[in-house]
């Protein structure tokens, strides 16, 4: 609502400036008004130019930047993210992106497997987060065999955080 009010004020000031120039009757009249030596004319011109500069050059870009911030994390490559997936995206960046590649999140880790190539299910991601993985597990079939070529410790994240990461990775992996 505030954004609409600011834009309305900026464009109203611009309209007043145009109307002022038009009231002079011609381009010669506008030029004469701009080059006036009267204090009133200079004050109106300077105020109008300041409002237009600040409004168009500062306020409008800020409105677009801050007004779009909440929506910028709401989807990745056309896939709408739930609140849980948005949290998972942030957690993935903090805990997983160093080792794993996931194009949709701009992660280019080299130590762990490429999640875009694997396209793991949510259950596999949860299992791997809970149990980790070893390159050569001592107990065959223990469920700690790696999908890739790295060694990952167990319980890097747990509980709700692990579920959020698993939801995000399973939805996004393979969608560059």
C-alpha atoms as a PDB file:
ATOM      1  CA  UNK A   1       0.000   0.000   0.000  1.00  0.00           C
ATOM      2  CA  UNK A   2       2.850   2.362   0.865  1.00  0.00           C
ATOM      3  CA  UNK A   3       4.527   1.499  -2.421  1.00  0.00           C
ATOM      4  CA  UNK A   4       1.440   2.526  -4.375  1.00  0.00           C
ATOM      5  CA  UNK A   5       1.279   5.820  -2.475  1.00  0.00           C
ATOM      6  CA  UNK A   6       4.945   6.598  -3.181  1.00  0.00           C
ATOM      7  CA  UNK A   7       4.572   5.830  -6.877  1.00  0.00           C
ATOM      8  CA  UNK A   8       1.423   7.989  -7.009  1.00  0.00           C
ATOM      9  CA  UNK A   9       3.269  10.920  -5.405  1.00  0.00           C
ATOM     10  CA  UNK A  10       6.208  10.606  -7.791  1.00  0.00           C
ATOM     11  CA  UNK A  11       4.070  10.514 -10.885  1.00  0.00           C
ATOM     12  CA  UNK A  12       1.842  13.317  -9.569  1.00  0.00           C
ATOM     13  CA  UNK A  13       4.941  15.491  -9.195  1.00  0.00           C
ATOM     14  CA  UNK A  14       5.976  14.544 -12.710  1.00  0.00           C
ATOM     15  CA  UNK A  15       2.508  15.461 -13.990  1.00  0.00           C
ATOM     16  CA  UNK A  16       2.690  18.816 -12.197  1.00  0.00           C
ATOM     17  CA  UNK A  17       6.049  19.501 -13.837  1.00  0.00           C
ATOM     18  CA  UNK A  18       4.668  18.645 -17.266  1.00  0.00           C
ATOM     19  CA  UNK A  19       1.572  20.776 -16.652  1.00  0.00           C
ATOM     20  CA  UNK A  20       3.762  23.666 -15.523  1.00  0.00           C
ATOM     21  CA  UNK A  21       5.806  23.410 -18.691  1.00  0.00           C
ATOM     22  CA  UNK A  22       2.698  23.119 -20.833  1.00  0.00           C
ATOM     23  CA  UNK A  23       1.211  26.214 -19.218  1.00  0.00           C
ATOM     24  CA  UNK A  24       4.064  28.224 -20.685  1.00  0.00           C
ATOM     25  CA  UNK A  25       2.583  27.596 -24.135  1.00  0.00           C
ATOM     26  CA  UNK A  26       5.580  26.308 -26.106  1.00  0.00           C
ATOM     27  CA  UNK A  27       9.075  24.938 -25.801  1.00  0.00           C
ATOM     28  CA  UNK A  28      10.292  28.520 -25.765  1.00  0.00           C
ATOM     29  CA  UNK A  29       8.075  29.200 -22.752  1.00  0.00           C
ATOM     30  CA  UNK A  30       9.434  26.124 -20.935  1.00  0.00           C
ATOM     31  CA  UNK A  31      12.995  27.156 -21.745  1.00  0.00           C
ATOM     32  CA  UNK A  32      12.288  30.636 -20.452  1.00  0.00           C
ATOM     33  CA  UNK A  33      10.740  29.207 -17.278  1.00  0.00           C
ATOM     34  CA  UNK A  34      13.748  26.957 -16.694  1.00  0.00           C
ATOM     35  CA  UNK A  35      16.194  29.784 -17.261  1.00  0.00           C
ATOM     36  CA  UNK A  36      14.266  32.178 -15.077  1.00  0.00           C
ATOM     37  CA  UNK A  37      16.129  34.132 -12.495  1.00  0.00           C
ATOM     38  CA  UNK A  38      13.147  34.473 -10.171  1.00  0.00           C
ATOM     39  CA  UNK A  39      13.376  32.648  -6.879  1.00  0.00           C
ATOM     40  CA  UNK A  40       9.910  31.164  -7.207  1.00  0.00           C
ATOM     41  CA  UNK A  41      10.567  29.627 -10.622  1.00  0.00           C
ATOM     42  CA  UNK A  42      13.939  28.236  -9.566  1.00  0.00           C
ATOM     43  CA  UNK A  43      12.488  26.809  -6.358  1.00  0.00           C
ATOM     44  CA  UNK A  44       9.625  25.058  -8.203  1.00  0.00           C
ATOM     45  CA  UNK A  45      11.983  23.674 -10.827  1.00  0.00           C
ATOM     46  CA  UNK A  46      14.565  22.433  -8.308  1.00  0.00           C
ATOM     47  CA  UNK A  47      11.916  20.869  -6.074  1.00  0.00           C
ATOM     48  CA  UNK A  48      10.282  19.115  -9.023  1.00  0.00           C
ATOM     49  CA  UNK A  49      13.588  17.787 -10.309  1.00  0.00           C
ATOM     50  CA  UNK A  50      14.571  16.562  -6.830  1.00  0.00           C
ATOM     51  CA  UNK A  51      11.247  14.762  -6.348  1.00  0.00           C
ATOM     52  CA  UNK A  52      11.440  13.153  -9.788  1.00  0.00           C
ATOM     53  CA  UNK A  53      15.069  12.107  -9.276  1.00  0.00           C
ATOM     54  CA  UNK A  54      14.476  10.638  -5.848  1.00  0.00           C
ATOM     55  CA  UNK A  55      11.190   9.048  -6.871  1.00  0.00           C
ATOM     56  CA  UNK A  56      12.267   7.501 -10.155  1.00  0.00           C
ATOM     57  CA  UNK A  57      15.921   6.953  -9.365  1.00  0.00           C
ATOM     58  CA  UNK A  58      15.718   5.702  -5.802  1.00  0.00           C
ATOM     59  CA  UNK A  59      12.202   4.891  -4.583  1.00  0.00           C
ATOM     60  CA  UNK A  60      10.876   2.936  -7.551  1.00  0.00           C
ATOM     61  CA  UNK A  61      13.907   0.587  -7.758  1.00  0.00           C
ATOM     62  CA  UNK A  62      13.788   0.051  -3.984  1.00  0.00           C
ATOM     63  CA  UNK A  63      10.109  -0.818  -4.197  1.00  0.00           C
ATOM     64  CA  UNK A  64      10.826  -3.458  -6.808  1.00  0.00           C
ATOM     65  CA  UNK A  65      13.759  -4.874  -4.863  1.00  0.00           C
ATOM     66  CA  UNK A  66      12.070  -5.087  -1.482  1.00  0.00           C
ATOM     67  CA  UNK A  67       8.603  -5.814  -2.814  1.00  0.00           C
ATOM     68  CA  UNK A  68       9.859  -8.855  -4.688  1.00  0.00           C
ATOM     69  CA  UNK A  69      12.052 -10.270  -1.914  1.00  0.00           C
ATOM     70  CA  UNK A  70       9.347 -12.445  -0.350  1.00  0.00           C
ATOM     71  CA  UNK A  71       8.439 -13.946  -3.716  1.00  0.00           C
ATOM     72  CA  UNK A  72      12.007 -14.595  -4.846  1.00  0.00           C
ATOM     73  CA  UNK A  73      12.341 -17.728  -2.722  1.00  0.00           C
ATOM     74  CA  UNK A  74       8.813 -18.982  -3.430  1.00  0.00           C
ATOM     75  CA  UNK A  75       9.809 -20.974  -6.509  1.00  0.00           C
ATOM     76  CA  UNK A  76      12.785 -22.480  -8.278  1.00  0.00           C
ATOM     77  CA  UNK A  77      12.656 -23.012 -12.030  1.00  0.00           C
ATOM     78  CA  UNK A  78       8.858 -22.969 -12.037  1.00  0.00           C
ATOM     79  CA  UNK A  79       8.490 -25.344  -9.099  1.00  0.00           C
ATOM     80  CA  UNK A  80       6.556 -23.700  -6.272  1.00  0.00           C
ATOM     81  CA  UNK A  81       8.239 -24.252  -2.936  1.00  0.00           C
ATOM     82  CA  UNK A  82       6.267 -24.836   0.220  1.00  0.00           C
ATOM     83  CA  UNK A  83       7.333 -23.081   3.416  1.00  0.00           C
ATOM     84  CA  UNK A  84       9.093 -26.283   4.451  1.00  0.00           C
ATOM     85  CA  UNK A  85      10.971 -26.463   1.149  1.00  0.00           C
ATOM     86  CA  UNK A  86      12.038 -22.821   1.461  1.00  0.00           C
ATOM     87  CA  UNK A  87      13.531 -23.592   4.862  1.00  0.00           C
ATOM     88  CA  UNK A  88      15.112 -26.706   3.345  1.00  0.00           C
ATOM     89  CA  UNK A  89      16.648 -24.581   0.610  1.00  0.00           C
ATOM     90  CA  UNK A  90      18.343 -22.334   3.160  1.00  0.00           C
ATOM     91  CA  UNK A  91      19.512 -25.316   5.210  1.00  0.00           C
ATOM     92  CA  UNK A  92      20.818 -27.054   2.084  1.00  0.00           C
ATOM     93  CA  UNK A  93      22.893 -23.966   1.327  1.00  0.00           C
ATOM     94  CA  UNK A  94      24.307 -23.963   4.867  1.00  0.00           C
ATOM     95  CA  UNK A  95      25.004 -27.672   5.309  1.00  0.00           C
ATOM     96  CA  UNK A  96      25.048 -29.484   1.959  1.00  0.00           C
ATOM     97  CA  UNK A  97      26.009 -27.174  -0.905  1.00  0.00           C
ATOM     98  CA  UNK A  98      29.700 -27.317  -0.044  1.00  0.00           C
ATOM     99  CA  UNK A  99      29.859 -30.996  -1.022  1.00  0.00           C
ATOM    100  CA  UNK A 100      26.893 -31.611  -3.362  1.00  0.00           C
ATOM    101  CA  UNK A 101      25.959 -30.329  -6.800  1.00  0.00           C
ATOM    102  CA  UNK A 102      22.375 -29.134  -7.222  1.00  0.00           C
ATOM    103  CA  UNK A 103      21.943 -26.838 -10.222  1.00  0.00           C
ATOM    104  CA  UNK A 104      18.610 -25.346  -9.143  1.00  0.00           C
ATOM    105  CA  UNK A 105      20.284 -24.027  -5.993  1.00  0.00           C
ATOM    106  CA  UNK A 106      23.550 -23.054  -7.732  1.00  0.00           C
ATOM    107  CA  UNK A 107      25.488 -25.566  -5.644  1.00  0.00           C
ATOM    108  CA  UNK A 108      28.595 -26.993  -7.307  1.00  0.00           C
ATOM    109  CA  UNK A 109      30.186 -29.154  -4.639  1.00  0.00           C
ATOM    110  CA  UNK A 110      32.632 -31.819  -5.787  1.00  0.00           C
ATOM    111  CA  UNK A 111      33.096 -34.092  -2.754  1.00  0.00           C
ATOM    112  CA  UNK A 112      29.632 -35.661  -2.723  1.00  0.00           C
ATOM    113  CA  UNK A 113      27.435 -37.010  -5.480  1.00  0.00           C
ATOM    114  CA  UNK A 114      25.659 -34.819  -8.003  1.00  0.00           C
ATOM    115  CA  UNK A 115      22.079 -34.754  -6.738  1.00  0.00           C
ATOM    116  CA  UNK A 116      20.757 -33.688 -10.144  1.00  0.00           C
ATOM    117  CA  UNK A 117      22.076 -36.904 -11.649  1.00  0.00           C
ATOM    118  CA  UNK A 118      20.825 -39.082  -8.773  1.00  0.00           C
ATOM    119  CA  UNK A 119      17.381 -37.468  -8.348  1.00  0.00           C
ATOM    120  CA  UNK A 120      16.993 -39.042  -4.906  1.00  0.00           C
ATOM    121  CA  UNK A 121      13.630 -39.585  -3.289  1.00  0.00           C
ATOM    122  CA  UNK A 122      12.761 -37.913  -0.016  1.00  0.00           C
ATOM    123  CA  UNK A 123      13.172 -41.232   1.824  1.00  0.00           C
ATOM    124  CA  UNK A 124      16.709 -41.747   0.463  1.00  0.00           C
ATOM    125  CA  UNK A 125      17.742 -38.220   1.428  1.00  0.00           C
ATOM    126  CA  UNK A 126      16.337 -38.689   4.947  1.00  0.00           C
ATOM    127  CA  UNK A 127      18.067 -42.055   5.286  1.00  0.00           C
ATOM    128  CA  UNK A 128      21.402 -40.648   4.139  1.00  0.00           C
ATOM    129  CA  UNK A 129      21.132 -37.648   6.458  1.00  0.00           C
ATOM    130  CA  UNK A 130      20.342 -39.916   9.404  1.00  0.00           C
ATOM    131  CA  UNK A 131      22.928 -42.643   8.762  1.00  0.00           C
ATOM    132  CA  UNK A 132      25.602 -40.947   6.685  1.00  0.00           C
ATOM    133  CA  UNK A 133      27.560 -43.057   4.258  1.00  0.00           C
ATOM    134  CA  UNK A 134      30.919 -44.779   4.068  1.00  0.00           C
ATOM    135  CA  UNK A 135      32.893 -45.722   0.964  1.00  0.00           C
ATOM    136  CA  UNK A 136      33.741 -49.188   2.255  1.00  0.00           C
ATOM    137  CA  UNK A 137      31.337 -50.046   5.077  1.00  0.00           C
ATOM    138  CA  UNK A 138      32.574 -52.727   7.477  1.00  0.00           C
ATOM    139  CA  UNK A 139      29.165 -54.378   7.589  1.00  0.00           C
ATOM    140  CA  UNK A 140      27.894 -55.154   4.083  1.00  0.00           C
ATOM    141  CA  UNK A 141      24.243 -54.185   3.636  1.00  0.00           C
ATOM    142  CA  UNK A 142      24.309 -51.954   6.700  1.00  0.00           C
ATOM    143  CA  UNK A 143      22.595 -49.149   4.825  1.00  0.00           C
ATOM    144  CA  UNK A 144      25.623 -46.874   5.050  1.00  0.00           C
ATOM    145  CA  UNK A 145      26.839 -47.475   1.498  1.00  0.00           C
ATOM    146  CA  UNK A 146      27.385 -44.211  -0.370  1.00  0.00           C
ATOM    147  CA  UNK A 147      25.536 -43.290  -3.505  1.00  0.00           C
ATOM    148  CA  UNK A 148      28.509 -41.260  -4.680  1.00  0.00           C
ATOM    149  CA  UNK A 149      32.211 -41.045  -4.050  1.00  0.00           C
ATOM    150  CA  UNK A 150      32.439 -39.147  -0.777  1.00  0.00           C
ATOM    151  CA  UNK A 151      32.160 -40.039   2.873  1.00  0.00           C
ATOM    152  CA  UNK A 152      29.353 -38.300   4.720  1.00  0.00           C
ATOM    153  CA  UNK A 153      28.969 -38.265   8.494  1.00  0.00           C
ATOM    154  CA  UNK A 154      25.645 -39.137  10.048  1.00  0.00           C
ATOM    155  CA  UNK A 155      23.335 -36.612  11.684  1.00  0.00           C
ATOM    156  CA  UNK A 156      24.630 -33.444  10.005  1.00  0.00           C
ATOM    157  CA  UNK A 157      21.060 -32.249  10.444  1.00  0.00           C
ATOM    158  CA  UNK A 158      18.276 -33.976  12.325  1.00  0.00           C
ATOM    159  CA  UNK A 159      14.545 -33.899  12.857  1.00  0.00           C
ATOM    160  CA  UNK A 160      12.521 -31.186  11.161  1.00  0.00           C
ATOM    161  CA  UNK A 161      15.594 -29.696   9.473  1.00  0.00           C
ATOM    162  CA  UNK A 162      16.392 -33.032   7.828  1.00  0.00           C
ATOM    163  CA  UNK A 163      12.789 -33.363   6.642  1.00  0.00           C
ATOM    164  CA  UNK A 164      12.874 -29.855   5.162  1.00  0.00           C
ATOM    165  CA  UNK A 165      16.116 -30.542   3.280  1.00  0.00           C
ATOM    166  CA  UNK A 166      14.792 -33.882   2.028  1.00  0.00           C
ATOM    167  CA  UNK A 167      11.583 -32.278   0.763  1.00  0.00           C
ATOM    168  CA  UNK A 168      13.543 -29.570  -1.044  1.00  0.00           C
ATOM    169  CA  UNK A 169      16.138 -31.868  -2.615  1.00  0.00           C
ATOM    170  CA  UNK A 170      13.614 -34.490  -3.776  1.00  0.00           C
ATOM    171  CA  UNK A 171      11.432 -31.812  -5.402  1.00  0.00           C
ATOM    172  CA  UNK A 172      14.245 -29.862  -7.075  1.00  0.00           C
ATOM    173  CA  UNK A 173      16.926 -32.412  -8.016  1.00  0.00           C
ATOM    174  CA  UNK A 174      17.142 -32.868 -11.755  1.00  0.00           C
ATOM    175  CA  UNK A 175      15.342 -29.586 -12.595  1.00  0.00           C
ATOM    176  CA  UNK A 176      18.142 -27.210 -13.642  1.00  0.00           C
END
